[in-house]
C-alpha atoms as a PDB file:
ATOM      1  CA  UNK A   1     -45.622 106.321 170.817  1.00  0.00           C
ATOM      2  CA  UNK A   2     -42.333 107.850 171.362  1.00  0.00           C
ATOM      3  CA  UNK A   3     -39.954 107.492 174.443  1.00  0.00           C
ATOM      4  CA  UNK A   4     -37.157 110.047 175.125  1.00  0.00           C
ATOM      5  CA  UNK A   5     -34.312 108.936 177.358  1.00  0.00           C
ATOM      6  CA  UNK A   6     -31.771 111.586 178.476  1.00  0.00           C
ATOM      7  CA  UNK A   7     -28.245 111.015 179.726  1.00  0.00           C
ATOM      8  CA  UNK A   8     -25.123 112.898 180.625  1.00  0.00           C
ATOM      9  CA  UNK A   9     -26.175 115.093 183.360  1.00  0.00           C
ATOM     10  CA  UNK A  10     -24.166 115.483 186.544  1.00  0.00           C
ATOM     11  CA  UNK A  11     -22.112 117.754 188.833  1.00  0.00           C
ATOM     12  CA  UNK A  12     -19.462 120.073 187.324  1.00  0.00           C
ATOM     13  CA  UNK A  13     -17.420 123.000 188.472  1.00  0.00           C
ATOM     14  CA  UNK A  14     -18.118 126.530 187.017  1.00  0.00           C
ATOM     15  CA  UNK A  15     -16.316 126.823 183.757  1.00  0.00           C
ATOM     16  CA  UNK A  16     -16.634 123.085 183.042  1.00  0.00           C
ATOM     17  CA  UNK A  17     -18.363 121.228 180.330  1.00  0.00           C
ATOM     18  CA  UNK A  18     -21.184 118.525 180.070  1.00  0.00           C
ATOM     19  CA  UNK A  19     -22.746 116.877 176.967  1.00  0.00           C
ATOM     20  CA  UNK A  20     -26.269 115.755 177.172  1.00  0.00           C
ATOM     21  CA  UNK A  21     -27.711 113.130 174.917  1.00  0.00           C
ATOM     22  CA  UNK A  22     -31.416 112.227 174.286  1.00  0.00           C
ATOM     23  CA  UNK A  23     -32.091 109.039 172.506  1.00  0.00           C
ATOM     24  CA  UNK A  24     -35.666 108.603 170.838  1.00  0.00           C
ATOM     25  CA  UNK A  25     -37.281 105.255 170.287  1.00  0.00           C
ATOM     26  CA  UNK A  26     -40.573 104.003 169.228  1.00  0.00           C
ATOM     27  CA  UNK A  27     -42.593 105.723 166.293  1.00  0.00           C
ATOM     28  CA  UNK A  28     -39.763 108.156 165.544  1.00  0.00           C
ATOM     29  CA  UNK A  29     -40.546 108.539 161.835  1.00  0.00           C
ATOM     30  CA  UNK A  30     -42.803 111.332 162.590  1.00  0.00           C
ATOM     31  CA  UNK A  31     -40.477 113.445 164.627  1.00  0.00           C
ATOM     32  CA  UNK A  32     -39.725 116.951 163.387  1.00  0.00           C
ATOM     33  CA  UNK A  33     -38.026 119.526 165.602  1.00  0.00           C
ATOM     34  CA  UNK A  34     -36.248 118.363 168.936  1.00  0.00           C
ATOM     35  CA  UNK A  35     -34.972 120.413 171.651  1.00  0.00           C
ATOM     36  CA  UNK A  36     -33.780 121.005 175.217  1.00  0.00           C
ATOM     37  CA  UNK A  37     -35.630 122.867 178.010  1.00  0.00           C
ATOM     38  CA  UNK A  38     -34.642 123.453 181.608  1.00  0.00           C
ATOM     39  CA  UNK A  39     -36.314 124.122 184.882  1.00  0.00           C
ATOM     40  CA  UNK A  40     -34.694 125.344 187.915  1.00  0.00           C
ATOM     41  CA  UNK A  41     -36.362 125.101 191.547  1.00  0.00           C
ATOM     42  CA  UNK A  42     -39.130 127.702 191.788  1.00  0.00           C
ATOM     43  CA  UNK A  43     -39.046 128.600 188.137  1.00  0.00           C
ATOM     44  CA  UNK A  44     -40.809 127.842 184.986  1.00  0.00           C
ATOM     45  CA  UNK A  45     -39.689 125.548 182.252  1.00  0.00           C
ATOM     46  CA  UNK A  46     -37.658 127.598 179.618  1.00  0.00           C
ATOM     47  CA  UNK A  47     -36.432 126.828 176.278  1.00  0.00           C
ATOM     48  CA  UNK A  48     -32.679 126.160 176.089  1.00  0.00           C
ATOM     49  CA  UNK A  49     -32.163 125.318 172.348  1.00  0.00           C
ATOM     50  CA  UNK A  50     -34.116 123.778 169.533  1.00  0.00           C
ATOM     51  CA  UNK A  51     -33.090 122.109 166.240  1.00  0.00           C
ATOM     52  CA  UNK A  52     -35.260 121.218 163.097  1.00  0.00           C
ATOM     53  CA  UNK A  53     -35.061 118.134 161.179  1.00  0.00           C
ATOM     54  CA  UNK A  54     -33.332 120.110 158.621  1.00  0.00           C
ATOM     55  CA  UNK A  55     -30.533 121.119 161.055  1.00  0.00           C
ATOM     56  CA  UNK A  56     -31.693 124.692 161.801  1.00  0.00           C
ATOM     57  CA  UNK A  57     -31.016 125.817 165.280  1.00  0.00           C
ATOM     58  CA  UNK A  58     -32.204 128.445 167.871  1.00  0.00           C
ATOM     59  CA  UNK A  59     -30.871 129.342 171.323  1.00  0.00           C
ATOM     60  CA  UNK A  60     -31.949 131.168 174.380  1.00  0.00           C
ATOM     61  CA  UNK A  61     -30.160 134.385 174.870  1.00  0.00           C
ATOM     62  CA  UNK A  62     -28.754 133.074 178.170  1.00  0.00           C
ATOM     63  CA  UNK A  63     -26.800 130.087 176.594  1.00  0.00           C
ATOM     64  CA  UNK A  64     -25.963 131.695 173.161  1.00  0.00           C
ATOM     65  CA  UNK A  65     -22.370 131.140 172.384  1.00  0.00           C
ATOM     66  CA  UNK A  66     -21.853 128.484 175.196  1.00  0.00           C
ATOM     67  CA  UNK A  67     -24.234 125.725 174.236  1.00  0.00           C
ATOM     68  CA  UNK A  68     -24.354 123.918 171.005  1.00  0.00           C
ATOM     69  CA  UNK A  69     -27.397 121.534 169.995  1.00  0.00           C
ATOM     70  CA  UNK A  70     -26.782 118.922 167.309  1.00  0.00           C
ATOM     71  CA  UNK A  71     -28.668 116.081 165.911  1.00  0.00           C
ATOM     72  CA  UNK A  72     -27.812 112.559 164.657  1.00  0.00           C
ATOM     73  CA  UNK A  73     -30.536 111.257 162.662  1.00  0.00           C
ATOM     74  CA  UNK A  74     -29.086 107.900 161.985  1.00  0.00           C
ATOM     75  CA  UNK A  75     -28.761 107.411 165.910  1.00  0.00           C
ATOM     76  CA  UNK A  76     -32.213 109.165 166.510  1.00  0.00           C
ATOM     77  CA  UNK A  77     -30.352 111.320 169.113  1.00  0.00           C
ATOM     78  CA  UNK A  78     -30.117 114.887 169.878  1.00  0.00           C
ATOM     79  CA  UNK A  79     -27.136 116.364 171.779  1.00  0.00           C
ATOM     80  CA  UNK A  80     -26.620 119.439 173.935  1.00  0.00           C
ATOM     81  CA  UNK A  81     -22.948 120.505 174.222  1.00  0.00           C
ATOM     82  CA  UNK A  82     -22.674 122.792 177.242  1.00  0.00           C
ATOM     83  CA  UNK A  83     -19.429 124.682 177.759  1.00  0.00           C
ATOM     84  CA  UNK A  84     -18.356 127.459 180.091  1.00  0.00           C
ATOM     85  CA  UNK A  85     -20.982 126.286 182.588  1.00  0.00           C
ATOM     86  CA  UNK A  86     -22.308 128.787 185.114  1.00  0.00           C
ATOM     87  CA  UNK A  87     -24.029 128.111 188.440  1.00  0.00           C
ATOM     88  CA  UNK A  88     -27.089 129.795 186.776  1.00  0.00           C
ATOM     89  CA  UNK A  89     -27.276 126.795 184.566  1.00  0.00           C
ATOM     90  CA  UNK A  90     -28.210 124.493 187.350  1.00  0.00           C
ATOM     91  CA  UNK A  91     -31.540 122.865 186.498  1.00  0.00           C
ATOM     92  CA  UNK A  92     -33.226 119.703 185.424  1.00  0.00           C
ATOM     93  CA  UNK A  93     -32.926 119.548 181.635  1.00  0.00           C
ATOM     94  CA  UNK A  94     -35.618 118.081 179.585  1.00  0.00           C
ATOM     95  CA  UNK A  95     -35.502 116.538 176.163  1.00  0.00           C
ATOM     96  CA  UNK A  96     -38.354 117.546 173.822  1.00  0.00           C
ATOM     97  CA  UNK A  97     -39.498 116.307 170.453  1.00  0.00           C
ATOM     98  CA  UNK A  98     -42.316 117.262 168.069  1.00  0.00           C
ATOM     99  CA  UNK A  99     -44.383 114.555 166.620  1.00  0.00           C
ATOM    100  CA  UNK A 100     -47.309 114.546 164.196  1.00  0.00           C
ATOM    101  CA  UNK A 101     -49.633 117.486 163.892  1.00  0.00           C
ATOM    102  CA  UNK A 102     -53.199 116.867 164.879  1.00  0.00           C
ATOM    103  CA  UNK A 103     -56.263 119.185 164.810  1.00  0.00           C
ATOM    104  CA  UNK A 104     -55.288 120.344 168.354  1.00  0.00           C
ATOM    105  CA  UNK A 105     -51.817 121.020 167.495  1.00  0.00           C
ATOM    106  CA  UNK A 106     -48.508 119.028 167.383  1.00  0.00           C
ATOM    107  CA  UNK A 107     -47.991 116.028 169.674  1.00  0.00           C
ATOM    108  CA  UNK A 108     -45.233 116.880 171.895  1.00  0.00           C
ATOM    109  CA  UNK A 109     -43.069 114.295 173.764  1.00  0.00           C
ATOM    110  CA  UNK A 110     -40.860 114.835 176.799  1.00  0.00           C
ATOM    111  CA  UNK A 111     -38.036 112.961 178.600  1.00  0.00           C
ATOM    112  CA  UNK A 112     -37.928 112.360 182.303  1.00  0.00           C
ATOM    113  CA  UNK A 113     -35.143 114.926 182.715  1.00  0.00           C
ATOM    114  CA  UNK A 114     -31.496 114.915 183.827  1.00  0.00           C
ATOM    115  CA  UNK A 115     -30.052 116.969 186.794  1.00  0.00           C
ATOM    116  CA  UNK A 116     -27.225 119.441 185.851  1.00  0.00           C
ATOM    117  CA  UNK A 117     -25.713 121.019 188.878  1.00  0.00           C
ATOM    118  CA  UNK A 118     -22.856 123.509 188.343  1.00  0.00           C
ATOM    119  CA  UNK A 119     -20.823 124.337 191.466  1.00  0.00           C
ATOM    120  CA  UNK A 120     -19.148 127.712 192.272  1.00  0.00           C
END
């Protein structure tokens, strides 16, 4: 079993920055890609950024150029550096990790989420 614990969320003004962290514990040796998703009230959960075990990254168009995802394999932690924050970025941010692949697809793990609120 894998546990994901997020930290770093909070309240910031527009134009400010936050750094989210997601620490993985448990059976982490099977983890492959990790990422961040977010969900605003009344909206679906959307991809923010992903990073593979080799360091390849992908970003949603809405955060491209403002957010940076990184990974510290020694600490089993993935980060999301968020700069130039906008009120539209307000959401609950969820850490995600892909584990072993089964006959039914990859095993996906989720953190409990951390609230990010950006004021005008």
